[in-house]
């Protein structure tokens, strides 16, 4: 049992979300599903109450808590990708499963969880600073899904 884990609030679909994440991200799994031992404000005894899962080895728990607390961009997973193919694979999986595109490499899955699908080439450029970072940043600001070739060109000037 992890000493610390991320708890994500879902309306009713924590188990479906966990299985989806495990199907697209390496080093991810659904580890346990716990049923409610009694009725609770947004469910009945025997309903799935919590799901323990990992996303890229990060321990998480999904809680089916009802509609009281919807997700927001205040929390997101940032996935650092190696290349355009990996960026496209994760982005397309999330969007293609009922998700929504946003700006600057952000998207949202159908359960409202935000994801930053961020190529390492962009993160490296931002870490360098100076004019190279500014050019990469300016290019990113025009994108939805990050285009690695455009970021690489921006880095070179």
N, C-alpha and C. Protein backbone atom coordinates (compact mmCIF):
# COMPACT_ATOMS: atom_id res chain seq x y z
N UNK A 1 0.85 -1.19 0.00
CA UNK A 1 0.00 0.00 0.00
C UNK A 1 0.89 1.25 0.00
N UNK A 2 0.64 2.14 -0.92
CA UNK A 2 1.41 3.37 -1.02
C UNK A 2 1.11 4.27 0.18
N UNK A 3 2.12 4.90 0.71
CA UNK A 3 1.95 5.83 1.82
C UNK A 3 1.27 7.11 1.36
N UNK A 4 1.46 7.46 0.09
CA UNK A 4 0.87 8.67 -0.48
C UNK A 4 0.36 8.32 -1.87
N UNK A 5 -0.84 8.77 -2.20
CA UNK A 5 -1.38 8.56 -3.54
C UNK A 5 -2.27 9.73 -3.91
N UNK A 6 -2.50 9.88 -5.17
CA UNK A 6 -3.40 10.92 -5.68
C UNK A 6 -4.82 10.37 -5.64
N UNK A 7 -5.74 11.13 -5.07
CA UNK A 7 -7.15 10.73 -5.06
C UNK A 7 -7.90 11.60 -6.06
N UNK A 8 -8.51 10.96 -7.03
CA UNK A 8 -9.28 11.65 -8.07
C UNK A 8 -10.76 11.38 -7.86
N UNK A 9 -11.55 12.42 -7.87
CA UNK A 9 -12.99 12.34 -7.64
C UNK A 9 -13.68 12.17 -8.99
N UNK A 10 -14.44 11.11 -9.11
CA UNK A 10 -15.25 10.86 -10.30
C UNK A 10 -16.71 10.87 -9.90
N UNK A 11 -17.56 11.18 -10.85
CA UNK A 11 -18.99 11.14 -10.56
C UNK A 11 -19.42 9.70 -10.31
N UNK A 12 -19.15 8.81 -11.29
CA UNK A 12 -19.56 7.40 -11.13
C UNK A 12 -18.63 6.42 -11.83
N UNK A 13 -17.68 6.88 -12.62
CA UNK A 13 -16.95 6.00 -13.53
C UNK A 13 -15.48 5.79 -13.20
N UNK A 14 -15.11 5.77 -11.94
CA UNK A 14 -13.70 5.61 -11.57
C UNK A 14 -13.11 4.33 -12.15
N UNK A 15 -13.86 3.24 -12.12
CA UNK A 15 -13.34 1.98 -12.62
C UNK A 15 -13.10 2.03 -14.13
N UNK A 16 -14.04 2.58 -14.87
CA UNK A 16 -13.87 2.69 -16.33
C UNK A 16 -12.67 3.59 -16.66
N UNK A 17 -12.51 4.69 -15.93
CA UNK A 17 -11.38 5.58 -16.17
C UNK A 17 -10.06 4.86 -15.89
N UNK A 18 -9.99 4.14 -14.78
CA UNK A 18 -8.77 3.43 -14.43
C UNK A 18 -8.40 2.39 -15.49
N UNK A 19 -9.38 1.66 -15.98
CA UNK A 19 -9.11 0.68 -17.03
C UNK A 19 -8.65 1.36 -18.32
N UNK A 20 -9.23 2.51 -18.63
CA UNK A 20 -8.81 3.25 -19.82
C UNK A 20 -7.35 3.69 -19.69
N UNK A 21 -6.98 4.29 -18.55
CA UNK A 21 -5.60 4.74 -18.36
C UNK A 21 -4.64 3.55 -18.45
N UNK A 22 -5.00 2.44 -17.84
CA UNK A 22 -4.14 1.25 -17.87
C UNK A 22 -3.97 0.71 -19.28
N UNK A 23 -4.97 0.94 -20.14
CA UNK A 23 -4.90 0.43 -21.51
C UNK A 23 -4.02 1.28 -22.42
N UNK A 24 -3.79 2.55 -22.07
CA UNK A 24 -3.02 3.39 -22.99
C UNK A 24 -1.64 3.77 -22.48
N UNK A 25 -1.44 3.82 -21.17
CA UNK A 25 -0.15 4.25 -20.63
C UNK A 25 0.65 3.06 -20.11
N UNK A 26 1.94 2.96 -20.48
CA UNK A 26 2.78 1.91 -19.92
C UNK A 26 2.92 2.09 -18.41
N UNK A 27 3.32 1.04 -17.74
CA UNK A 27 3.53 1.09 -16.29
C UNK A 27 2.29 1.59 -15.56
N UNK A 28 1.13 1.16 -16.06
CA UNK A 28 -0.16 1.54 -15.48
C UNK A 28 -0.99 0.28 -15.30
N UNK A 29 -1.81 0.28 -14.26
CA UNK A 29 -2.62 -0.91 -13.97
C UNK A 29 -3.78 -0.55 -13.06
N UNK A 30 -4.80 -1.39 -13.11
CA UNK A 30 -5.88 -1.34 -12.12
C UNK A 30 -5.49 -2.36 -11.06
N UNK A 31 -5.31 -1.90 -9.84
CA UNK A 31 -4.78 -2.75 -8.78
C UNK A 31 -5.85 -3.34 -7.87
N UNK A 32 -6.93 -2.60 -7.63
CA UNK A 32 -7.98 -3.10 -6.74
C UNK A 32 -9.25 -2.28 -6.94
N UNK A 33 -10.37 -2.95 -6.77
CA UNK A 33 -11.69 -2.30 -6.84
C UNK A 33 -12.40 -2.62 -5.53
N UNK A 34 -12.89 -1.58 -4.86
CA UNK A 34 -13.56 -1.74 -3.58
C UNK A 34 -15.03 -1.33 -3.69
N UNK A 35 -15.88 -2.18 -3.21
CA UNK A 35 -17.32 -1.91 -3.24
C UNK A 35 -17.76 -1.26 -1.93
N UNK A 36 -18.76 -0.42 -2.01
CA UNK A 36 -19.28 0.26 -0.82
C UNK A 36 -19.94 -0.77 0.11
N UNK A 37 -19.57 -0.75 1.39
CA UNK A 37 -20.18 -1.70 2.31
C UNK A 37 -21.59 -1.29 2.74
N UNK A 38 -21.96 -0.07 2.42
CA UNK A 38 -23.30 0.43 2.75
C UNK A 38 -23.68 1.56 1.82
N UNK A 39 -24.91 2.02 1.93
CA UNK A 39 -25.35 3.16 1.12
C UNK A 39 -24.55 4.41 1.50
N UNK A 40 -24.36 5.27 0.55
CA UNK A 40 -23.68 6.55 0.79
C UNK A 40 -24.37 7.61 -0.05
N UNK A 41 -24.06 8.91 0.15
CA UNK A 41 -24.86 9.96 -0.49
C UNK A 41 -25.07 9.82 -1.99
N UNK A 42 -24.08 9.29 -2.73
CA UNK A 42 -24.26 9.19 -4.18
C UNK A 42 -24.24 7.75 -4.68
N UNK A 43 -24.49 6.78 -3.80
CA UNK A 43 -24.48 5.39 -4.24
C UNK A 43 -25.09 4.45 -3.22
N UNK A 44 -25.12 3.21 -3.62
CA UNK A 44 -25.73 2.16 -2.81
C UNK A 44 -24.69 1.12 -2.41
N UNK A 45 -25.02 0.36 -1.40
CA UNK A 45 -24.18 -0.76 -1.00
C UNK A 45 -23.94 -1.66 -2.22
N UNK A 46 -22.70 -2.06 -2.40
CA UNK A 46 -22.35 -2.92 -3.53
C UNK A 46 -21.87 -2.17 -4.75
N UNK A 47 -22.10 -0.86 -4.83
CA UNK A 47 -21.56 -0.06 -5.94
C UNK A 47 -20.05 0.06 -5.80
N UNK A 48 -19.37 0.28 -6.91
CA UNK A 48 -17.93 0.56 -6.84
C UNK A 48 -17.76 1.90 -6.13
N UNK A 49 -17.03 1.87 -5.03
CA UNK A 49 -16.77 3.10 -4.26
C UNK A 49 -15.41 3.69 -4.62
N UNK A 50 -14.36 2.85 -4.56
CA UNK A 50 -13.02 3.32 -4.91
C UNK A 50 -12.30 2.30 -5.78
N UNK A 51 -11.34 2.82 -6.53
CA UNK A 51 -10.50 1.99 -7.40
C UNK A 51 -9.06 2.44 -7.19
N UNK A 52 -8.20 1.50 -6.86
CA UNK A 52 -6.78 1.80 -6.77
C UNK A 52 -6.13 1.45 -8.10
N UNK A 53 -5.36 2.39 -8.65
CA UNK A 53 -4.71 2.18 -9.93
C UNK A 53 -3.42 2.96 -9.97
N UNK A 54 -2.60 2.66 -10.96
CA UNK A 54 -1.37 3.42 -11.19
C UNK A 54 -1.38 3.96 -12.61
N UNK A 55 -0.80 5.12 -12.77
CA UNK A 55 -0.59 5.75 -14.08
C UNK A 55 0.89 6.08 -14.15
N UNK A 56 1.62 5.41 -15.05
CA UNK A 56 3.07 5.58 -15.15
C UNK A 56 3.71 5.44 -13.77
N UNK A 57 3.34 4.40 -13.06
CA UNK A 57 3.87 4.08 -11.73
C UNK A 57 3.46 5.08 -10.64
N UNK A 58 2.58 6.02 -10.92
CA UNK A 58 2.09 6.94 -9.89
C UNK A 58 0.85 6.32 -9.26
N UNK A 59 0.86 6.08 -7.94
CA UNK A 59 -0.31 5.49 -7.31
C UNK A 59 -1.47 6.48 -7.24
N UNK A 60 -2.64 6.00 -7.61
CA UNK A 60 -3.85 6.83 -7.62
C UNK A 60 -5.01 6.05 -7.02
N UNK A 61 -5.99 6.79 -6.57
CA UNK A 61 -7.25 6.19 -6.14
C UNK A 61 -8.37 6.99 -6.79
N UNK A 62 -9.28 6.29 -7.43
CA UNK A 62 -10.47 6.93 -7.98
C UNK A 62 -11.61 6.74 -7.00
N UNK A 63 -12.29 7.81 -6.68
CA UNK A 63 -13.42 7.79 -5.75
C UNK A 63 -14.69 8.16 -6.50
N UNK A 64 -15.68 7.28 -6.50
CA UNK A 64 -16.98 7.59 -7.09
C UNK A 64 -17.78 8.38 -6.06
N UNK A 65 -17.65 9.69 -6.11
CA UNK A 65 -18.24 10.55 -5.09
C UNK A 65 -19.46 11.32 -5.52
N UNK A 66 -19.90 11.15 -6.76
CA UNK A 66 -21.06 11.90 -7.23
C UNK A 66 -20.67 13.23 -7.85
N UNK A 67 -21.66 14.06 -8.15
CA UNK A 67 -21.42 15.29 -8.90
C UNK A 67 -20.98 16.50 -8.07
N UNK A 68 -20.78 16.35 -6.78
CA UNK A 68 -20.52 17.51 -5.91
C UNK A 68 -19.26 18.28 -6.26
N UNK A 69 -18.20 17.59 -6.70
CA UNK A 69 -16.92 18.25 -6.95
C UNK A 69 -16.39 17.89 -8.32
N UNK A 70 -16.74 18.64 -9.35
CA UNK A 70 -16.26 18.35 -10.70
C UNK A 70 -14.76 18.65 -10.82
N UNK A 71 -14.13 17.98 -11.77
CA UNK A 71 -12.71 18.20 -12.03
C UNK A 71 -12.50 19.59 -12.63
N UNK A 72 -11.28 20.10 -12.48
CA UNK A 72 -10.90 21.36 -13.13
C UNK A 72 -9.45 21.26 -13.57
N UNK A 73 -9.00 22.25 -14.32
CA UNK A 73 -7.62 22.28 -14.79
C UNK A 73 -6.64 22.56 -13.65
N UNK A 74 -7.15 22.82 -12.44
CA UNK A 74 -6.27 23.05 -11.30
C UNK A 74 -5.43 21.81 -10.99
N UNK A 75 -5.87 20.65 -11.46
CA UNK A 75 -5.09 19.42 -11.36
C UNK A 75 -4.95 18.85 -12.75
N UNK A 76 -3.73 18.39 -13.07
CA UNK A 76 -3.51 17.70 -14.34
C UNK A 76 -2.35 16.74 -14.20
N UNK A 77 -2.36 15.72 -15.05
CA UNK A 77 -1.20 14.85 -15.21
C UNK A 77 -0.38 15.43 -16.35
N UNK A 78 0.94 15.53 -16.17
CA UNK A 78 1.81 15.93 -17.27
C UNK A 78 2.59 14.69 -17.71
N UNK A 79 2.41 14.33 -18.97
CA UNK A 79 3.09 13.18 -19.55
C UNK A 79 4.16 13.70 -20.50
N UNK A 80 5.42 13.45 -20.15
CA UNK A 80 6.55 13.88 -20.99
C UNK A 80 6.79 12.81 -22.06
N UNK A 81 6.62 13.20 -23.30
CA UNK A 81 6.74 12.25 -24.41
C UNK A 81 8.10 12.39 -25.11
N UNK A 82 8.53 11.28 -25.72
CA UNK A 82 9.83 11.25 -26.37
C UNK A 82 9.83 11.81 -27.79
N UNK A 83 8.69 11.70 -28.49
CA UNK A 83 8.66 12.10 -29.89
C UNK A 83 7.21 12.35 -30.33
N UNK A 84 7.04 12.69 -31.59
CA UNK A 84 5.71 13.00 -32.11
C UNK A 84 4.80 11.77 -32.09
N UNK A 85 5.36 10.61 -32.38
CA UNK A 85 4.55 9.39 -32.40
C UNK A 85 3.93 9.12 -31.02
N UNK A 86 4.73 9.25 -29.99
CA UNK A 86 4.21 9.03 -28.63
C UNK A 86 3.21 10.13 -28.25
N UNK A 87 3.52 11.35 -28.61
CA UNK A 87 2.61 12.47 -28.36
C UNK A 87 1.27 12.21 -29.02
N UNK A 88 1.30 11.84 -30.29
CA UNK A 88 0.08 11.56 -31.04
C UNK A 88 -0.70 10.40 -30.43
N UNK A 89 0.00 9.35 -30.03
CA UNK A 89 -0.67 8.16 -29.48
C UNK A 89 -1.48 8.50 -28.24
N UNK A 90 -0.89 9.21 -27.28
CA UNK A 90 -1.62 9.55 -26.05
C UNK A 90 -2.71 10.58 -26.31
N UNK A 91 -2.37 11.59 -27.07
CA UNK A 91 -3.34 12.64 -27.39
C UNK A 91 -4.56 12.04 -28.10
N UNK A 92 -4.31 11.26 -29.13
CA UNK A 92 -5.41 10.68 -29.90
C UNK A 92 -6.22 9.69 -29.08
N UNK A 93 -5.59 8.96 -28.18
CA UNK A 93 -6.33 8.03 -27.31
C UNK A 93 -7.29 8.80 -26.41
N UNK A 94 -6.82 9.88 -25.81
CA UNK A 94 -7.67 10.66 -24.90
C UNK A 94 -8.79 11.36 -25.67
N UNK A 95 -8.46 12.03 -26.75
CA UNK A 95 -9.46 12.75 -27.54
C UNK A 95 -10.42 11.76 -28.20
N UNK A 96 -9.90 10.67 -28.69
CA UNK A 96 -10.73 9.68 -29.38
C UNK A 96 -11.66 8.90 -28.47
N UNK A 97 -11.49 9.02 -27.19
CA UNK A 97 -12.34 8.34 -26.22
C UNK A 97 -13.28 9.34 -25.53
N UNK A 98 -13.71 10.33 -26.28
CA UNK A 98 -14.67 11.29 -25.74
C UNK A 98 -14.05 12.49 -25.06
N UNK A 99 -12.73 12.67 -25.20
CA UNK A 99 -12.06 13.80 -24.58
C UNK A 99 -12.20 15.08 -25.39
N UNK A 100 -11.55 16.13 -24.88
CA UNK A 100 -11.61 17.45 -25.52
C UNK A 100 -10.22 18.05 -25.64
N UNK A 101 -9.95 18.65 -26.79
CA UNK A 101 -8.71 19.38 -26.97
C UNK A 101 -8.75 20.68 -26.21
N UNK A 102 -7.58 21.15 -25.81
CA UNK A 102 -7.46 22.47 -25.21
C UNK A 102 -6.25 23.12 -25.88
N UNK A 103 -5.57 23.99 -25.18
CA UNK A 103 -4.45 24.72 -25.76
C UNK A 103 -3.13 24.26 -25.16
N UNK A 104 -2.05 24.48 -25.91
CA UNK A 104 -0.68 24.32 -25.42
C UNK A 104 -0.37 22.91 -24.93
N UNK A 105 -0.92 21.90 -25.60
CA UNK A 105 -0.64 20.52 -25.23
C UNK A 105 -1.55 19.95 -24.16
N UNK A 106 -2.55 20.71 -23.75
CA UNK A 106 -3.50 20.24 -22.75
C UNK A 106 -4.72 19.63 -23.45
N UNK A 107 -5.24 18.58 -22.83
CA UNK A 107 -6.51 18.01 -23.24
C UNK A 107 -7.19 17.47 -21.99
N UNK A 108 -8.44 17.13 -22.14
CA UNK A 108 -9.24 16.65 -21.02
C UNK A 108 -9.90 15.35 -21.43
N UNK A 109 -9.84 14.34 -20.56
CA UNK A 109 -10.50 13.09 -20.89
C UNK A 109 -12.00 13.20 -20.63
N UNK A 110 -12.74 12.18 -21.01
CA UNK A 110 -14.20 12.26 -20.91
C UNK A 110 -14.70 12.31 -19.48
N UNK A 111 -13.83 12.06 -18.50
CA UNK A 111 -14.21 12.14 -17.09
C UNK A 111 -13.84 13.48 -16.49
N UNK A 112 -13.25 14.36 -17.31
CA UNK A 112 -12.90 15.70 -16.85
C UNK A 112 -11.49 15.85 -16.32
N UNK A 113 -10.69 14.78 -16.33
CA UNK A 113 -9.30 14.87 -15.86
C UNK A 113 -8.47 15.53 -16.95
N UNK A 114 -7.65 16.51 -16.56
CA UNK A 114 -6.80 17.22 -17.51
C UNK A 114 -5.45 16.54 -17.65
N UNK A 115 -4.95 16.54 -18.87
CA UNK A 115 -3.67 15.93 -19.23
C UNK A 115 -2.85 16.93 -20.01
N UNK A 116 -1.59 17.05 -19.68
CA UNK A 116 -0.64 17.82 -20.47
C UNK A 116 0.24 16.79 -21.20
N UNK A 117 0.06 16.71 -22.49
CA UNK A 117 0.86 15.78 -23.30
C UNK A 117 2.00 16.62 -23.89
N UNK A 118 3.16 16.55 -23.24
CA UNK A 118 4.23 17.51 -23.47
C UNK A 118 5.51 16.83 -23.95
N UNK A 119 5.88 17.04 -25.20
CA UNK A 119 7.14 16.48 -25.68
C UNK A 119 8.35 17.00 -24.90
N UNK A 120 9.30 16.12 -24.64
CA UNK A 120 10.49 16.50 -23.89
C UNK A 120 11.26 17.63 -24.57
N UNK A 121 11.20 17.68 -25.91
CA UNK A 121 11.91 18.74 -26.64
C UNK A 121 11.41 20.12 -26.22
N UNK A 122 10.13 20.24 -25.90
CA UNK A 122 9.58 21.51 -25.42
C UNK A 122 10.06 21.78 -24.00
N UNK A 123 10.00 20.78 -23.14
CA UNK A 123 10.45 20.95 -21.76
C UNK A 123 11.93 21.32 -21.70
N UNK A 124 12.73 20.70 -22.56
CA UNK A 124 14.17 21.01 -22.61
C UNK A 124 14.39 22.45 -23.06
N UNK A 125 13.65 22.90 -24.06
CA UNK A 125 13.79 24.27 -24.54
C UNK A 125 13.43 25.27 -23.45
N UNK A 126 12.36 25.01 -22.73
CA UNK A 126 11.94 25.93 -21.66
C UNK A 126 12.97 25.96 -20.54
N UNK A 127 13.60 24.82 -20.26
CA UNK A 127 14.61 24.76 -19.20
C UNK A 127 15.87 25.54 -19.56
N UNK A 128 16.19 25.61 -20.86
CA UNK A 128 17.38 26.33 -21.30
C UNK A 128 17.24 27.83 -21.04
N UNK A 129 16.04 28.33 -21.23
CA UNK A 129 15.81 29.76 -21.01
C UNK A 129 16.24 30.59 -22.20
N UNK A 130 16.22 31.88 -22.00
CA UNK A 130 16.67 32.83 -23.01
C UNK A 130 15.82 32.83 -24.27
N UNK A 131 16.44 33.21 -25.37
CA UNK A 131 15.71 33.37 -26.63
C UNK A 131 15.21 32.04 -27.17
N UNK A 132 15.96 30.96 -26.94
CA UNK A 132 15.50 29.65 -27.40
C UNK A 132 14.20 29.25 -26.71
N UNK A 133 14.14 29.47 -25.41
CA UNK A 133 12.91 29.17 -24.66
C UNK A 133 11.76 30.05 -25.14
N UNK A 134 12.05 31.31 -25.38
CA UNK A 134 11.00 32.24 -25.83
C UNK A 134 10.44 31.81 -27.18
N UNK A 135 11.29 31.41 -28.11
CA UNK A 135 10.82 30.98 -29.42
C UNK A 135 9.96 29.72 -29.29
N UNK A 136 10.42 28.75 -28.50
CA UNK A 136 9.65 27.52 -28.30
C UNK A 136 8.32 27.82 -27.61
N UNK A 137 8.37 28.69 -26.61
CA UNK A 137 7.15 29.07 -25.89
C UNK A 137 6.15 29.75 -26.82
N UNK A 138 6.62 30.69 -27.62
CA UNK A 138 5.74 31.38 -28.56
C UNK A 138 5.10 30.40 -29.55
N UNK A 139 5.88 29.44 -30.03
CA UNK A 139 5.34 28.44 -30.95
C UNK A 139 4.28 27.60 -30.23
N UNK A 140 4.56 27.17 -29.01
CA UNK A 140 3.61 26.36 -28.23
C UNK A 140 2.29 27.10 -28.03
N UNK A 141 2.37 28.38 -27.80
CA UNK A 141 1.16 29.18 -27.51
C UNK A 141 0.16 29.18 -28.67
N UNK A 142 0.61 28.81 -29.87
CA UNK A 142 -0.25 28.76 -31.05
C UNK A 142 -0.85 27.38 -31.28
N UNK A 143 -0.52 26.40 -30.45
CA UNK A 143 -0.88 25.00 -30.71
C UNK A 143 -1.99 24.50 -29.80
N UNK A 144 -2.65 23.45 -30.25
CA UNK A 144 -3.46 22.62 -29.37
C UNK A 144 -2.54 21.45 -29.00
N UNK A 145 -2.50 20.39 -29.84
CA UNK A 145 -1.52 19.31 -29.65
C UNK A 145 -0.16 19.86 -30.07
N UNK A 146 0.87 19.52 -29.32
CA UNK A 146 2.21 20.02 -29.62
C UNK A 146 2.78 19.31 -30.85
N UNK A 147 3.32 20.12 -31.75
CA UNK A 147 3.97 19.65 -32.97
C UNK A 147 5.48 19.69 -32.73
N UNK A 148 6.09 18.54 -32.59
CA UNK A 148 7.51 18.44 -32.26
C UNK A 148 8.37 19.13 -33.31
N UNK A 149 8.09 18.95 -34.58
CA UNK A 149 8.91 19.55 -35.64
C UNK A 149 8.87 21.07 -35.56
N UNK A 150 7.73 21.63 -35.25
CA UNK A 150 7.62 23.10 -35.13
C UNK A 150 8.40 23.59 -33.92
N UNK A 151 8.34 22.86 -32.82
CA UNK A 151 9.11 23.25 -31.63
C UNK A 151 10.61 23.17 -31.92
N UNK A 152 11.03 22.09 -32.59
CA UNK A 152 12.45 21.95 -32.94
C UNK A 152 12.91 23.10 -33.84
N UNK A 153 12.08 23.47 -34.82
CA UNK A 153 12.43 24.58 -35.71
C UNK A 153 12.49 25.90 -34.94
N UNK A 154 11.56 26.10 -34.02
CA UNK A 154 11.56 27.31 -33.21
C UNK A 154 12.82 27.37 -32.34
N UNK A 155 13.23 26.26 -31.79
CA UNK A 155 14.44 26.23 -30.97
C UNK A 155 15.66 26.68 -31.77
N UNK A 156 15.72 26.25 -33.03
CA UNK A 156 16.87 26.61 -33.88
C UNK A 156 16.83 28.06 -34.32
N UNK A 157 15.65 28.64 -34.28
CA UNK A 157 15.51 30.03 -34.70
C UNK A 157 15.26 30.12 -36.14
